[in-house]
Amino acid sequence: MVIKGRLEASGVALIAIGSGSPEGARRFMDTLGFSADMYVNPDLSAYRAFRLERGIWKTLGPASLVRGIRAMMQGFRQGRPDGDLWQQGGVFVLGPGETLLFQHRNTSAGDHADLNAVLAAAEG
């Protein structure tokens, strides 16, 4: 994982939070070779704390469908779902202290943060 290595070199920890079960998190980690810290938050309290969006239209709306078709055309296949399918995620770079260095809240499924911007904030 190139990004994880760059974050670690800058003294930044990579942490993921999922809305599913511990078994689903383990399956995700095993399938993708994800080796960072992974937590589960099925009550979605962390998602609410970060003001992340949730809704059926966010997951199944036009923008999500277009991104999904593009991803499938590039070879991506959705694995077995786990957790709240309507909950959108985000990426945050925190610290030191209570400083928020970067934030991206997904507006719909497939809306991902610019990883170059994430790395710039973390390495900055």
N, C-alpha and C. Protein backbone atom coordinates (compact mmCIF):
# COMPACT_ATOMS: atom_id res chain seq x y z
N MET A 1 0.86 -1.18 0.00
CA MET A 1 0.00 0.00 0.00
C MET A 1 0.90 1.23 0.00
N VAL A 2 1.05 1.86 -1.14
CA VAL A 2 1.95 3.00 -1.32
C VAL A 2 1.55 4.16 -0.42
N ILE A 3 0.27 4.46 -0.35
CA ILE A 3 -0.19 5.60 0.43
C ILE A 3 0.11 5.39 1.91
N LYS A 4 -0.14 4.20 2.40
CA LYS A 4 0.12 3.89 3.81
C LYS A 4 1.59 4.12 4.13
N GLY A 5 2.48 3.67 3.26
CA GLY A 5 3.91 3.86 3.47
C GLY A 5 4.30 5.33 3.52
N ARG A 6 3.73 6.13 2.64
CA ARG A 6 4.03 7.57 2.65
C ARG A 6 3.49 8.23 3.91
N LEU A 7 2.30 7.82 4.34
CA LEU A 7 1.75 8.39 5.57
C LEU A 7 2.62 8.02 6.77
N GLU A 8 3.00 6.75 6.86
CA GLU A 8 3.84 6.30 7.97
C GLU A 8 5.18 7.03 7.98
N ALA A 9 5.75 7.28 6.80
CA ALA A 9 7.02 8.00 6.71
C ALA A 9 6.89 9.42 7.25
N SER A 10 5.67 9.96 7.18
CA SER A 10 5.42 11.30 7.70
C SER A 10 4.93 11.28 9.14
N GLY A 11 4.87 10.09 9.74
CA GLY A 11 4.41 9.97 11.12
C GLY A 11 2.90 10.04 11.27
N VAL A 12 2.18 9.72 10.19
CA VAL A 12 0.72 9.79 10.19
C VAL A 12 0.16 8.37 10.18
N ALA A 13 -0.78 8.09 11.08
CA ALA A 13 -1.41 6.77 11.14
C ALA A 13 -2.62 6.73 10.22
N LEU A 14 -2.79 5.62 9.52
CA LEU A 14 -3.96 5.40 8.68
C LEU A 14 -4.94 4.56 9.48
N ILE A 15 -6.16 5.07 9.62
CA ILE A 15 -7.20 4.37 10.37
C ILE A 15 -8.46 4.37 9.52
N ALA A 16 -9.11 3.21 9.42
CA ALA A 16 -10.37 3.10 8.68
C ALA A 16 -11.49 2.76 9.66
N ILE A 17 -12.66 3.30 9.38
CA ILE A 17 -13.85 3.00 10.18
C ILE A 17 -14.93 2.53 9.22
N GLY A 18 -15.48 1.35 9.48
CA GLY A 18 -16.55 0.81 8.66
C GLY A 18 -17.83 0.73 9.46
N SER A 19 -18.94 0.63 8.76
CA SER A 19 -20.24 0.57 9.43
C SER A 19 -20.74 -0.85 9.66
N GLY A 20 -19.96 -1.82 9.26
CA GLY A 20 -20.41 -3.21 9.32
C GLY A 20 -19.97 -3.95 10.55
N SER A 21 -19.79 -5.24 10.37
CA SER A 21 -19.47 -6.16 11.46
C SER A 21 -17.96 -6.41 11.52
N PRO A 22 -17.48 -6.93 12.65
CA PRO A 22 -16.06 -7.32 12.70
C PRO A 22 -15.70 -8.36 11.64
N GLU A 23 -16.63 -9.28 11.36
CA GLU A 23 -16.37 -10.29 10.32
C GLU A 23 -16.26 -9.64 8.95
N GLY A 24 -17.13 -8.68 8.67
CA GLY A 24 -17.08 -7.96 7.41
C GLY A 24 -15.80 -7.16 7.27
N ALA A 25 -15.35 -6.55 8.36
CA ALA A 25 -14.10 -5.79 8.34
C ALA A 25 -12.92 -6.71 8.05
N ARG A 26 -12.92 -7.89 8.67
CA ARG A 26 -11.84 -8.85 8.44
C ARG A 26 -11.85 -9.31 6.98
N ARG A 27 -13.03 -9.56 6.43
CA ARG A 27 -13.15 -9.98 5.02
C ARG A 27 -12.61 -8.88 4.11
N PHE A 28 -12.97 -7.62 4.39
CA PHE A 28 -12.47 -6.47 3.63
C PHE A 28 -10.94 -6.42 3.68
N MET A 29 -10.40 -6.55 4.88
CA MET A 29 -8.95 -6.47 5.05
C MET A 29 -8.24 -7.61 4.32
N ASP A 30 -8.80 -8.81 4.44
CA ASP A 30 -8.18 -9.97 3.78
C ASP A 30 -8.27 -9.86 2.26
N THR A 31 -9.43 -9.46 1.76
CA THR A 31 -9.64 -9.38 0.32
C THR A 31 -8.75 -8.33 -0.33
N LEU A 32 -8.63 -7.16 0.32
CA LEU A 32 -7.87 -6.06 -0.27
C LEU A 32 -6.44 -5.96 0.24
N GLY A 33 -6.06 -6.81 1.18
CA GLY A 33 -4.72 -6.71 1.74
C GLY A 33 -4.54 -5.45 2.57
N PHE A 34 -5.62 -4.97 3.17
CA PHE A 34 -5.60 -3.75 3.97
C PHE A 34 -4.93 -4.05 5.30
N SER A 35 -3.83 -3.36 5.61
CA SER A 35 -3.06 -3.71 6.80
C SER A 35 -3.02 -2.60 7.85
N ALA A 36 -3.84 -1.58 7.70
CA ALA A 36 -3.88 -0.50 8.69
C ALA A 36 -4.90 -0.85 9.78
N ASP A 37 -5.05 0.03 10.75
CA ASP A 37 -6.04 -0.17 11.80
C ASP A 37 -7.44 -0.03 11.23
N MET A 38 -8.32 -0.95 11.62
CA MET A 38 -9.70 -0.94 11.13
C MET A 38 -10.63 -1.09 12.32
N TYR A 39 -11.61 -0.21 12.39
CA TYR A 39 -12.61 -0.25 13.46
C TYR A 39 -13.99 -0.36 12.83
N VAL A 40 -14.94 -0.89 13.58
CA VAL A 40 -16.31 -0.94 13.10
C VAL A 40 -17.18 -0.07 14.00
N ASN A 41 -18.16 0.58 13.37
CA ASN A 41 -19.04 1.51 14.06
C ASN A 41 -20.47 1.32 13.54
N PRO A 42 -21.10 0.18 13.88
CA PRO A 42 -22.42 -0.11 13.32
C PRO A 42 -23.51 0.85 13.75
N ASP A 43 -23.34 1.57 14.87
CA ASP A 43 -24.37 2.54 15.27
C ASP A 43 -24.20 3.89 14.57
N LEU A 44 -23.16 4.02 13.73
CA LEU A 44 -22.90 5.19 12.89
C LEU A 44 -22.60 6.46 13.67
N SER A 45 -22.27 6.36 14.95
CA SER A 45 -22.00 7.56 15.75
C SER A 45 -20.78 8.34 15.22
N ALA A 46 -19.75 7.64 14.76
CA ALA A 46 -18.58 8.34 14.20
C ALA A 46 -18.96 9.06 12.91
N TYR A 47 -19.81 8.45 12.12
CA TYR A 47 -20.27 9.07 10.86
C TYR A 47 -21.05 10.35 11.15
N ARG A 48 -21.90 10.29 12.17
CA ARG A 48 -22.66 11.48 12.56
C ARG A 48 -21.72 12.55 13.10
N ALA A 49 -20.73 12.16 13.90
CA ALA A 49 -19.79 13.12 14.47
C ALA A 49 -19.04 13.88 13.38
N PHE A 50 -18.75 13.20 12.28
CA PHE A 50 -18.05 13.83 11.15
C PHE A 50 -19.01 14.43 10.12
N ARG A 51 -20.31 14.40 10.44
CA ARG A 51 -21.36 14.96 9.58
C ARG A 51 -21.31 14.36 8.16
N LEU A 52 -21.20 13.04 8.11
CA LEU A 52 -21.18 12.35 6.82
C LEU A 52 -22.61 12.06 6.36
N GLU A 53 -22.81 12.15 5.07
CA GLU A 53 -24.15 12.02 4.49
C GLU A 53 -24.63 10.57 4.46
N ARG A 54 -25.94 10.43 4.51
CA ARG A 54 -26.56 9.11 4.47
C ARG A 54 -27.87 9.21 3.71
N GLY A 55 -28.17 8.22 2.88
CA GLY A 55 -29.44 8.19 2.19
C GLY A 55 -29.42 7.26 1.00
N ILE A 56 -30.57 6.70 0.70
CA ILE A 56 -30.68 5.76 -0.42
C ILE A 56 -30.31 6.45 -1.74
N TRP A 57 -30.72 7.71 -1.91
CA TRP A 57 -30.43 8.44 -3.14
C TRP A 57 -28.94 8.72 -3.28
N LYS A 58 -28.22 8.84 -2.14
CA LYS A 58 -26.77 9.04 -2.17
C LYS A 58 -26.07 7.80 -2.72
N THR A 59 -26.65 6.63 -2.46
CA THR A 59 -26.06 5.38 -2.90
C THR A 59 -26.52 4.96 -4.29
N LEU A 60 -27.78 5.22 -4.59
CA LEU A 60 -28.35 4.73 -5.85
C LEU A 60 -28.72 5.83 -6.84
N GLY A 61 -28.33 7.06 -6.58
CA GLY A 61 -28.66 8.17 -7.46
C GLY A 61 -27.88 8.15 -8.76
N PRO A 62 -28.19 9.08 -9.66
CA PRO A 62 -27.55 9.11 -10.98
C PRO A 62 -26.02 9.19 -10.94
N ALA A 63 -25.48 10.05 -10.09
CA ALA A 63 -24.01 10.18 -10.03
C ALA A 63 -23.37 8.86 -9.61
N SER A 64 -23.97 8.19 -8.65
CA SER A 64 -23.44 6.91 -8.18
C SER A 64 -23.52 5.84 -9.27
N LEU A 65 -24.63 5.82 -9.99
CA LEU A 65 -24.78 4.83 -11.06
C LEU A 65 -23.76 5.04 -12.16
N VAL A 66 -23.52 6.28 -12.53
CA VAL A 66 -22.52 6.57 -13.57
C VAL A 66 -21.14 6.12 -13.11
N ARG A 67 -20.79 6.46 -11.86
CA ARG A 67 -19.48 6.05 -11.34
C ARG A 67 -19.39 4.52 -11.26
N GLY A 68 -20.48 3.87 -10.89
CA GLY A 68 -20.49 2.41 -10.81
C GLY A 68 -20.27 1.75 -12.15
N ILE A 69 -20.91 2.28 -13.18
CA ILE A 69 -20.74 1.74 -14.53
C ILE A 69 -19.30 1.93 -14.99
N ARG A 70 -18.74 3.12 -14.74
CA ARG A 70 -17.34 3.37 -15.11
C ARG A 70 -16.41 2.39 -14.40
N ALA A 71 -16.64 2.19 -13.10
CA ALA A 71 -15.80 1.28 -12.33
C ALA A 71 -15.88 -0.14 -12.87
N MET A 72 -17.08 -0.60 -13.20
CA MET A 72 -17.24 -1.95 -13.75
C MET A 72 -16.54 -2.08 -15.09
N MET A 73 -16.60 -1.02 -15.91
CA MET A 73 -15.93 -1.05 -17.21
C MET A 73 -14.41 -1.14 -17.04
N GLN A 74 -13.91 -0.67 -15.88
CA GLN A 74 -12.47 -0.74 -15.60
C GLN A 74 -12.10 -2.01 -14.84
N GLY A 75 -13.06 -2.92 -14.65
CA GLY A 75 -12.77 -4.20 -14.04
C GLY A 75 -13.15 -4.34 -12.58
N PHE A 76 -13.64 -3.27 -11.95
CA PHE A 76 -14.00 -3.37 -10.54
C PHE A 76 -15.27 -4.20 -10.38
N ARG A 77 -15.28 -5.04 -9.35
CA ARG A 77 -16.47 -5.81 -9.01
C ARG A 77 -16.77 -5.61 -7.53
N GLN A 78 -18.01 -5.29 -7.24
CA GLN A 78 -18.43 -5.07 -5.86
C GLN A 78 -18.38 -6.39 -5.10
N GLY A 79 -17.76 -6.37 -3.94
CA GLY A 79 -17.72 -7.55 -3.09
C GLY A 79 -19.02 -7.68 -2.29
N ARG A 80 -19.03 -8.61 -1.40
CA ARG A 80 -20.20 -8.83 -0.56
C ARG A 80 -20.41 -7.63 0.35
N PRO A 81 -21.57 -6.98 0.30
CA PRO A 81 -21.79 -5.80 1.13
C PRO A 81 -21.92 -6.15 2.60
N ASP A 82 -21.55 -5.21 3.44
CA ASP A 82 -21.65 -5.37 4.89
C ASP A 82 -21.87 -3.98 5.48
N GLY A 83 -22.73 -3.88 6.44
CA GLY A 83 -22.96 -2.59 7.09
C GLY A 83 -24.08 -1.82 6.44
N ASP A 84 -24.10 -0.53 6.72
CA ASP A 84 -25.16 0.36 6.24
C ASP A 84 -24.85 0.79 4.81
N LEU A 85 -25.59 0.26 3.86
CA LEU A 85 -25.32 0.53 2.45
C LEU A 85 -25.64 1.97 2.05
N TRP A 86 -26.42 2.67 2.84
CA TRP A 86 -26.83 4.03 2.50
C TRP A 86 -25.88 5.08 3.09
N GLN A 87 -24.98 4.65 3.97
CA GLN A 87 -24.06 5.58 4.64
C GLN A 87 -22.87 5.90 3.73
N GLN A 88 -22.63 7.18 3.52
CA GLN A 88 -21.47 7.62 2.75
C GLN A 88 -20.30 7.83 3.70
N GLY A 89 -19.11 7.75 3.16
CA GLY A 89 -17.90 7.90 3.95
C GLY A 89 -17.22 9.22 3.74
N GLY A 90 -15.99 9.26 4.12
CA GLY A 90 -15.20 10.47 3.97
C GLY A 90 -13.75 10.19 4.32
N VAL A 91 -12.92 11.21 4.13
CA VAL A 91 -11.50 11.12 4.46
C VAL A 91 -11.14 12.38 5.23
N PHE A 92 -10.44 12.18 6.34
CA PHE A 92 -10.05 13.29 7.18
C PHE A 92 -8.59 13.11 7.59
N VAL A 93 -7.85 14.22 7.59
CA VAL A 93 -6.50 14.23 8.12
C VAL A 93 -6.56 15.10 9.36
N LEU A 94 -6.28 14.49 10.50
CA LEU A 94 -6.40 15.15 11.79
C LEU A 94 -5.04 15.32 12.43
N GLY A 95 -4.90 16.41 13.20
CA GLY A 95 -3.74 16.59 14.06
C GLY A 95 -2.74 17.57 13.51
N PRO A 96 -1.84 18.00 14.32
CA PRO A 96 -1.73 17.61 15.72
C PRO A 96 -2.84 18.24 16.58
N GLY A 97 -3.06 17.63 17.71
CA GLY A 97 -4.11 18.14 18.60
C GLY A 97 -5.47 18.03 17.95
N GLU A 98 -6.23 19.08 18.01
CA GLU A 98 -7.58 19.10 17.44
C GLU A 98 -7.64 19.77 16.07
N THR A 99 -6.53 19.82 15.39
CA THR A 99 -6.44 20.46 14.08
C THR A 99 -7.00 19.55 12.98
N LEU A 100 -7.85 20.10 12.15
CA LEU A 100 -8.37 19.40 10.98
C LEU A 100 -7.62 19.92 9.77
N LEU A 101 -6.74 19.08 9.21
CA LEU A 101 -5.88 19.50 8.10
C LEU A 101 -6.51 19.28 6.73
N PHE A 102 -7.41 18.30 6.65
CA PHE A 102 -8.06 17.98 5.37
C PHE A 102 -9.38 17.31 5.67
N GLN A 103 -10.38 17.60 4.82
CA GLN A 103 -11.66 16.93 4.95
C GLN A 103 -12.30 16.74 3.58
N HIS A 104 -12.87 15.56 3.41
CA HIS A 104 -13.65 15.26 2.22
C HIS A 104 -14.81 14.38 2.66
N ARG A 105 -16.01 14.85 2.44
CA ARG A 105 -17.21 14.08 2.75
C ARG A 105 -17.82 13.62 1.43
N ASN A 106 -17.91 12.31 1.23
CA ASN A 106 -18.47 11.78 -0.01
C ASN A 106 -19.91 12.25 -0.14
N THR A 107 -20.25 12.78 -1.29
CA THR A 107 -21.63 13.22 -1.53
C THR A 107 -22.49 12.10 -2.09
N SER A 108 -21.83 11.07 -2.62
CA SER A 108 -22.54 9.92 -3.18
C SER A 108 -21.55 8.77 -3.30
N ALA A 109 -22.08 7.58 -3.56
CA ALA A 109 -21.21 6.42 -3.74
C ALA A 109 -20.23 6.67 -4.89
N GLY A 110 -18.98 6.33 -4.68
CA GLY A 110 -17.97 6.51 -5.71
C GLY A 110 -17.33 7.89 -5.72
N ASP A 111 -17.77 8.79 -4.85
CA ASP A 111 -17.18 10.13 -4.74
C ASP A 111 -16.01 10.03 -3.78
N HIS A 112 -14.81 9.97 -4.32
CA HIS A 112 -13.62 9.74 -3.49
C HIS A 112 -12.78 11.00 -3.38
N ALA A 113 -12.05 11.09 -2.28
CA ALA A 113 -11.13 12.20 -2.08
C ALA A 113 -9.96 12.11 -3.06
N ASP A 114 -9.42 13.25 -3.40
CA ASP A 114 -8.21 13.32 -4.22
C ASP A 114 -7.04 12.90 -3.33
N LEU A 115 -6.46 11.74 -3.61
CA LEU A 115 -5.42 11.21 -2.73
C LEU A 115 -4.15 12.08 -2.72
N ASN A 116 -3.90 12.81 -3.80
CA ASN A 116 -2.77 13.74 -3.80
C ASN A 116 -3.00 14.85 -2.79
N ALA A 117 -4.24 15.33 -2.69
CA ALA A 117 -4.56 16.37 -1.70
C ALA A 117 -4.47 15.82 -0.29
N VAL A 118 -4.90 14.58 -0.11
CA VAL A 118 -4.79 13.93 1.22
C VAL A 118 -3.32 13.84 1.62
N LEU A 119 -2.49 13.34 0.72
CA LEU A 119 -1.06 13.21 1.02
C LEU A 119 -0.41 14.56 1.26
N ALA A 120 -0.77 15.56 0.48
CA ALA A 120 -0.21 16.90 0.68
C ALA A 120 -0.54 17.44 2.06
N ALA A 121 -1.78 17.22 2.51
CA ALA A 121 -2.18 17.68 3.84
C ALA A 121 -1.43 16.91 4.92
N ALA A 122 -1.27 15.61 4.73
CA ALA A 122 -0.62 14.78 5.73
C ALA A 122 0.88 15.02 5.79
N GLU A 123 1.48 15.25 4.66
CA GLU A 123 2.93 15.43 4.60
C GLU A 123 3.34 16.88 4.82
N GLY A 124 2.35 17.79 4.70
CA GLY A 124 2.60 19.22 4.76
C GLY A 124 3.18 19.68 6.01
